[in-house]
Structure formats: C-alpha cells, structure tokens
PDB file of N, CA and C in Angstrom:
ATOM      1  N   UNK A   1       6.123  68.507  10.758  1.00  0.00           N
ATOM      2  CA  UNK A   1       4.704  68.403  10.364  1.00  0.00           C
ATOM      3  C   UNK A   1       4.168  69.676   9.701  1.00  0.00           C
ATOM      4  N   UNK A   2       4.814  70.772   9.906  1.00  0.00           N
ATOM      5  CA  UNK A   2       4.367  72.068   9.357  1.00  0.00           C
ATOM      6  C   UNK A   2       4.616  72.044   7.818  1.00  0.00           C
ATOM      7  N   UNK A   3       5.636  71.391   7.382  1.00  0.00           N
ATOM      8  CA  UNK A   3       5.894  71.338   5.971  1.00  0.00           C
ATOM      9  C   UNK A   3       5.143  70.225   5.210  1.00  0.00           C
ATOM     10  N   UNK A   4       4.493  69.270   5.941  1.00  0.00           N
ATOM     11  CA  UNK A   4       3.840  68.237   5.312  1.00  0.00           C
ATOM     12  C   UNK A   4       2.616  68.672   4.543  1.00  0.00           C
ATOM     13  N   UNK A   5       1.872  69.582   5.037  1.00  0.00           N
ATOM     14  CA  UNK A   5       0.584  70.023   4.373  1.00  0.00           C
ATOM     15  C   UNK A   5       0.972  70.646   3.030  1.00  0.00           C
ATOM     16  N   UNK A   6       1.893  71.545   2.881  1.00  0.00           N
ATOM     17  CA  UNK A   6       2.160  72.081   1.596  1.00  0.00           C
ATOM     18  C   UNK A   6       2.739  71.041   0.599  1.00  0.00           C
ATOM     19  N   UNK A   7       3.518  70.072   1.128  1.00  0.00           N
ATOM     20  CA  UNK A   7       4.051  69.023   0.278  1.00  0.00           C
ATOM     21  C   UNK A   7       2.901  68.172  -0.218  1.00  0.00           C
ATOM     22  N   UNK A   8       1.896  67.864   0.630  1.00  0.00           N
ATOM     23  CA  UNK A   8       0.805  67.034   0.173  1.00  0.00           C
ATOM     24  C   UNK A   8       0.021  67.830  -0.903  1.00  0.00           C
ATOM     25  N   UNK A   9      -0.152  69.034  -0.745  1.00  0.00           N
ATOM     26  CA  UNK A   9      -0.821  69.871  -1.709  1.00  0.00           C
ATOM     27  C   UNK A   9      -0.121  69.907  -3.021  1.00  0.00           C
ATOM     28  N   UNK A  10       1.186  69.979  -2.973  1.00  0.00           N
ATOM     29  CA  UNK A  10       2.002  70.025  -4.184  1.00  0.00           C
ATOM     30  C   UNK A  10       1.946  68.694  -4.884  1.00  0.00           C
ATOM     31  N   UNK A  11       2.043  67.553  -4.116  1.00  0.00           N
ATOM     32  CA  UNK A  11       1.959  66.231  -4.775  1.00  0.00           C
ATOM     33  C   UNK A  11       0.561  65.976  -5.279  1.00  0.00           C
ATOM     34  N   UNK A  12      -0.429  66.378  -4.594  1.00  0.00           N
ATOM     35  CA  UNK A  12      -1.804  66.143  -5.034  1.00  0.00           C
ATOM     36  C   UNK A  12      -2.073  66.976  -6.337  1.00  0.00           C
ATOM     37  N   UNK A  13      -1.627  68.243  -6.361  1.00  0.00           N
ATOM     38  CA  UNK A  13      -1.681  69.028  -7.547  1.00  0.00           C
ATOM     39  C   UNK A  13      -0.984  68.409  -8.745  1.00  0.00           C
ATOM     40  N   UNK A  14       0.183  67.885  -8.499  1.00  0.00           N
ATOM     41  CA  UNK A  14       0.869  67.198  -9.563  1.00  0.00           C
ATOM     42  C   UNK A  14       0.139  66.030 -10.098  1.00  0.00           C
ATOM     43  N   UNK A  15      -0.411  65.225  -9.206  1.00  0.00           N
ATOM     44  CA  UNK A  15      -1.115  64.000  -9.667  1.00  0.00           C
ATOM     45  C   UNK A  15      -2.468  64.383 -10.420  1.00  0.00           C
ATOM     46  N   UNK A  16      -3.112  65.518 -10.013  1.00  0.00           N
ATOM     47  CA  UNK A  16      -4.171  65.997 -10.761  1.00  0.00           C
ATOM     48  C   UNK A  16      -3.897  66.479 -12.150  1.00  0.00           C
ATOM     49  N   UNK A  17      -2.710  67.135 -12.253  1.00  0.00           N
ATOM     50  CA  UNK A  17      -2.236  67.674 -13.608  1.00  0.00           C
ATOM     51  C   UNK A  17      -1.887  66.387 -14.513  1.00  0.00           C
ATOM     52  N   UNK A  18      -1.271  65.433 -13.911  1.00  0.00           N
ATOM     53  CA  UNK A  18      -0.885  64.205 -14.733  1.00  0.00           C
ATOM     54  C   UNK A  18      -2.180  63.516 -15.122  1.00  0.00           C
ATOM     55  N   UNK A  19      -3.145  63.373 -14.253  1.00  0.00           N
ATOM     56  CA  UNK A  19      -4.409  62.725 -14.613  1.00  0.00           C
ATOM     57  C   UNK A  19      -5.136  63.507 -15.682  1.00  0.00           C
ATOM     58  N   UNK A  20      -5.143  64.811 -15.668  1.00  0.00           N
ATOM     59  CA  UNK A  20      -5.813  65.595 -16.681  1.00  0.00           C
ATOM     60  C   UNK A  20      -5.095  65.386 -18.044  1.00  0.00           C
ATOM     61  N   UNK A  21      -3.800  65.427 -18.003  1.00  0.00           N
ATOM     62  CA  UNK A  21      -3.004  65.207 -19.281  1.00  0.00           C
ATOM     63  C   UNK A  21      -3.331  63.796 -19.815  1.00  0.00           C
ATOM     64  N   UNK A  22      -3.323  62.807 -18.996  1.00  0.00           N
ATOM     65  CA  UNK A  22      -3.655  61.515 -19.501  1.00  0.00           C
ATOM     66  C   UNK A  22      -5.024  61.443 -20.054  1.00  0.00           C
ATOM     67  N   UNK A  23      -5.977  62.088 -19.446  1.00  0.00           N
ATOM     68  CA  UNK A  23      -7.359  62.127 -19.867  1.00  0.00           C
ATOM     69  C   UNK A  23      -7.467  62.774 -21.288  1.00  0.00           C
ATOM     70  N   UNK A  24      -6.716  63.802 -21.494  1.00  0.00           N
ATOM     71  CA  UNK A  24      -6.672  64.500 -22.723  1.00  0.00           C
ATOM     72  C   UNK A  24      -6.045  63.633 -23.861  1.00  0.00           C
ATOM     73  N   UNK A  25      -4.989  62.893 -23.446  1.00  0.00           N
ATOM     74  CA  UNK A  25      -4.273  62.086 -24.361  1.00  0.00           C
ATOM     75  C   UNK A  25      -5.262  60.961 -24.887  1.00  0.00           C
ATOM     76  N   UNK A  26      -5.940  60.345 -23.911  1.00  0.00           N
ATOM     77  CA  UNK A  26      -6.901  59.246 -24.216  1.00  0.00           C
ATOM     78  C   UNK A  26      -8.040  59.737 -25.109  1.00  0.00           C
ATOM     79  N   UNK A  27      -8.507  60.989 -24.786  1.00  0.00           N
ATOM     80  CA  UNK A  27      -9.614  61.542 -25.625  1.00  0.00           C
ATOM     81  C   UNK A  27      -9.058  61.711 -27.082  1.00  0.00           C
ATOM     82  N   UNK A  28      -7.882  62.259 -27.173  1.00  0.00           N
ATOM     83  CA  UNK A  28      -7.331  62.475 -28.531  1.00  0.00           C
ATOM     84  C   UNK A  28      -7.173  61.106 -29.240  1.00  0.00           C
ATOM     85  N   UNK A  29      -6.655  60.092 -28.514  1.00  0.00           N
ATOM     86  CA  UNK A  29      -6.548  58.791 -29.132  1.00  0.00           C
ATOM     87  C   UNK A  29      -7.816  58.241 -29.631  1.00  0.00           C
ATOM     88  N   UNK A  30      -8.853  58.434 -28.864  1.00  0.00           N
ATOM     89  CA  UNK A  30     -10.185  57.891 -29.229  1.00  0.00           C
ATOM     90  C   UNK A  30     -10.673  58.681 -30.498  1.00  0.00           C
ATOM     91  N   UNK A  31     -10.461  59.944 -30.536  1.00  0.00           N
ATOM     92  CA  UNK A  31     -10.774  60.688 -31.713  1.00  0.00           C
ATOM     93  C   UNK A  31     -10.017  60.240 -32.991  1.00  0.00           C
ATOM     94  N   UNK A  32      -8.756  59.954 -32.745  1.00  0.00           N
ATOM     95  CA  UNK A  32      -7.895  59.461 -33.886  1.00  0.00           C
ATOM     96  C   UNK A  32      -8.451  58.094 -34.371  1.00  0.00           C
ATOM     97  N   UNK A  33      -8.797  57.256 -33.472  1.00  0.00           N
ATOM     98  CA  UNK A  33      -9.322  55.875 -33.832  1.00  0.00           C
ATOM     99  C   UNK A  33     -10.677  56.039 -34.588  1.00  0.00           C
ATOM    100  N   UNK A  34     -11.495  57.054 -34.197  1.00  0.00           N
ATOM    101  CA  UNK A  34     -12.701  57.284 -34.921  1.00  0.00           C
ATOM    102  C   UNK A  34     -12.415  57.662 -36.373  1.00  0.00           C
ATOM    103  N   UNK A  35     -11.479  58.588 -36.478  1.00  0.00           N
ATOM    104  CA  UNK A  35     -11.133  59.071 -37.855  1.00  0.00           C
ATOM    105  C   UNK A  35     -10.493  57.928 -38.658  1.00  0.00           C
ATOM    106  N   UNK A  36      -9.654  57.043 -38.084  1.00  0.00           N
ATOM    107  CA  UNK A  36      -9.174  55.964 -38.812  1.00  0.00           C
ATOM    108  C   UNK A  36     -10.236  55.014 -39.244  1.00  0.00           C
ATOM    109  N   UNK A  37     -11.217  54.821 -38.409  1.00  0.00           N
ATOM    110  CA  UNK A  37     -12.332  53.964 -38.767  1.00  0.00           C
ATOM    111  C   UNK A  37     -13.141  54.543 -39.922  1.00  0.00           C
ATOM    112  N   UNK A  38     -13.426  55.836 -39.861  1.00  0.00           N
ATOM    113  CA  UNK A  38     -14.172  56.508 -40.908  1.00  0.00           C
ATOM    114  C   UNK A  38     -13.358  56.363 -42.191  1.00  0.00           C
ATOM    115  N   UNK A  39     -12.134  56.607 -42.179  1.00  0.00           N
ATOM    116  CA  UNK A  39     -11.260  56.549 -43.365  1.00  0.00           C
ATOM    117  C   UNK A  39     -11.271  55.135 -43.948  1.00  0.00           C
ATOM    118  N   UNK A  40     -11.226  54.105 -43.078  1.00  0.00           N
ATOM    119  CA  UNK A  40     -11.296  52.715 -43.504  1.00  0.00           C
ATOM    120  C   UNK A  40     -12.618  52.488 -44.233  1.00  0.00           C
ATOM    121  N   UNK A  41     -13.708  52.940 -43.685  1.00  0.00           N
ATOM    122  CA  UNK A  41     -15.049  52.692 -44.303  1.00  0.00           C
ATOM    123  C   UNK A  41     -15.055  53.381 -45.640  1.00  0.00           C
ATOM    124  N   UNK A  42     -14.579  54.609 -45.779  1.00  0.00           N
ATOM    125  CA  UNK A  42     -14.621  55.314 -47.044  1.00  0.00           C
ATOM    126  C   UNK A  42     -13.714  54.675 -48.063  1.00  0.00           C
ATOM    127  N   UNK A  43     -12.516  54.308 -47.649  1.00  0.00           N
ATOM    128  CA  UNK A  43     -11.627  53.485 -48.605  1.00  0.00           C
ATOM    129  C   UNK A  43     -12.215  52.252 -49.131  1.00  0.00           C
ATOM    130  N   UNK A  44     -12.870  51.477 -48.245  1.00  0.00           N
ATOM    131  CA  UNK A  44     -13.517  50.280 -48.551  1.00  0.00           C
ATOM    132  C   UNK A  44     -14.588  50.477 -49.572  1.00  0.00           C
ATOM    133  N   UNK A  45     -15.436  51.462 -49.337  1.00  0.00           N
ATOM    134  CA  UNK A  45     -16.497  51.756 -50.248  1.00  0.00           C
ATOM    135  C   UNK A  45     -15.934  52.204 -51.635  1.00  0.00           C
ATOM    136  N   UNK A  46     -14.905  52.995 -51.606  1.00  0.00           N
ATOM    137  CA  UNK A  46     -14.242  53.472 -52.843  1.00  0.00           C
ATOM    138  C   UNK A  46     -13.720  52.259 -53.632  1.00  0.00           C
ATOM    139  N   UNK A  47     -13.107  51.318 -52.961  1.00  0.00           N
ATOM    140  CA  UNK A  47     -12.542  50.167 -53.580  1.00  0.00           C
ATOM    141  C   UNK A  47     -13.631  49.303 -54.178  1.00  0.00           C
ATOM    142  N   UNK A  48     -14.807  49.147 -53.437  1.00  0.00           N
ATOM    143  CA  UNK A  48     -15.925  48.428 -54.062  1.00  0.00           C
ATOM    144  C   UNK A  48     -16.490  49.060 -55.285  1.00  0.00           C
ATOM    145  N   UNK A  49     -16.557  50.324 -55.298  1.00  0.00           N
ATOM    146  CA  UNK A  49     -17.036  51.081 -56.497  1.00  0.00           C
ATOM    147  C   UNK A  49     -16.083  50.865 -57.617  1.00  0.00           C
ATOM    148  N   UNK A  50     -14.784  50.975 -57.351  1.00  0.00           N
ATOM    149  CA  UNK A  50     -13.814  50.783 -58.444  1.00  0.00           C
ATOM    150  C   UNK A  50     -13.855  49.354 -58.967  1.00  0.00           C
ATOM    151  N   UNK A  51     -14.020  48.368 -58.110  1.00  0.00           N
ATOM    152  CA  UNK A  51     -14.138  47.020 -58.553  1.00  0.00           C
ATOM    153  C   UNK A  51     -15.413  46.778 -59.478  1.00  0.00           C
ATOM    154  N   UNK A  52     -16.496  47.421 -59.044  1.00  0.00           N
ATOM    155  CA  UNK A  52     -17.650  47.263 -59.825  1.00  0.00           C
ATOM    156  C   UNK A  52     -17.606  47.930 -61.167  1.00  0.00           C
ATOM    157  N   UNK A  53     -16.857  49.075 -61.169  1.00  0.00           N
ATOM    158  CA  UNK A  53     -16.585  49.733 -62.446  1.00  0.00           C
ATOM    159  C   UNK A  53     -15.719  48.874 -63.343  1.00  0.00           C
ATOM    160  N   UNK A  54     -14.751  48.269 -62.739  1.00  0.00           N
ATOM    161  CA  UNK A  54     -13.809  47.425 -63.594  1.00  0.00           C
ATOM    162  C   UNK A  54     -14.560  46.245 -64.146  1.00  0.00           C
ATOM    163  N   UNK A  55     -15.526  45.682 -63.369  1.00  0.00           N
ATOM    164  CA  UNK A  55     -16.289  44.507 -63.817  1.00  0.00           C
ATOM    165  C   UNK A  55     -17.168  44.954 -65.004  1.00  0.00           C
ATOM    166  N   UNK A  56     -17.746  46.212 -64.936  1.00  0.00           N
ATOM    167  CA  UNK A  56     -18.517  46.658 -65.978  1.00  0.00           C
ATOM    168  C   UNK A  56     -17.825  47.018 -67.249  1.00  0.00           C
ATOM    169  N   UNK A  57     -16.567  47.474 -67.060  1.00  0.00           N
ATOM    170  CA  UNK A  57     -15.781  47.821 -68.293  1.00  0.00           C
ATOM    171  C   UNK A  57     -15.188  46.583 -68.898  1.00  0.00           C
ATOM    172  N   UNK A  58     -14.983  45.527 -68.192  1.00  0.00           N
ATOM    173  CA  UNK A  58     -14.389  44.351 -68.717  1.00  0.00           C
ATOM    174  C   UNK A  58     -15.147  43.733 -69.871  1.00  0.00           C
ATOM    175  N   UNK A  59     -16.477  43.575 -69.780  1.00  0.00           N
ATOM    176  CA  UNK A  59     -17.177  42.977 -70.947  1.00  0.00           C
ATOM    177  C   UNK A  59     -17.092  43.957 -72.146  1.00  0.00           C
ATOM    178  N   UNK A  60     -17.068  45.215 -71.946  1.00  0.00           N
ATOM    179  CA  UNK A  60     -16.965  46.176 -73.036  1.00  0.00           C
ATOM    180  C   UNK A  60     -15.690  46.032 -73.778  1.00  0.00           C
ATOM    181  N   UNK A  61     -14.594  45.779 -73.096  1.00  0.00           N
ATOM    182  CA  UNK A  61     -13.256  45.582 -73.730  1.00  0.00           C
ATOM    183  C   UNK A  61     -13.243  44.256 -74.543  1.00  0.00           C
ATOM    184  N   UNK A  62     -13.853  43.265 -74.054  1.00  0.00           N
ATOM    185  CA  UNK A  62     -13.930  42.021 -74.846  1.00  0.00           C
ATOM    186  C   UNK A  62     -14.700  42.151 -76.078  1.00  0.00           C
ATOM    187  N   UNK A  63     -15.819  42.944 -76.127  1.00  0.00           N
ATOM    188  CA  UNK A  63     -16.565  43.103 -77.386  1.00  0.00           C
ATOM    189  C   UNK A  63     -15.878  43.967 -78.368  1.00  0.00           C
ATOM    190  N   UNK A  64     -15.017  44.958 -77.918  1.00  0.00           N
ATOM    191  CA  UNK A  64     -14.341  45.765 -78.795  1.00  0.00           C
ATOM    192  C   UNK A  64     -13.138  45.083 -79.507  1.00  0.00           C
ATOM    193  N   UNK A  65     -12.654  44.030 -78.911  1.00  0.00           N
ATOM    194  CA  UNK A  65     -11.554  43.263 -79.512  1.00  0.00           C
ATOM    195  C   UNK A  65     -12.036  42.402 -80.605  1.00  0.00           C
TER     196      UNK A  65
END
C-alpha cells in the first residue's frame, strides 16, 4: 500500500501530460483547418476574378479577328 500512492501520482501525471498533448494537437488541427478555409476562399475569389477577366477579354478577341 505504501507504493500505491506514488504509482497513482505517476499514472495521473502521465494522463495529464497525454491530455495536454492531445489538447495542443487538436488546437493545431483547428488552426490548420481555419487556414485551409481561408485559402479556399481566397482561391475561389481569385478564380472568379480570372473568369470575369476572361469573359471581358473574349469579346475583344472576336472584334480583332
């Protein structure tokens, strides 16, 4: 029984460290997903602008021919 208290403290400490590491991993994953979402929005807007520009240039090419 004398050794059970230090063992419980060691096990509890280990589980706390593991929980803290998992918490940090999840926080990093959430940050990564936010960045991916921002990148998606920026890329979509860029593609819309390129499409609009292509549509505007298309009539000009037809008149030059």
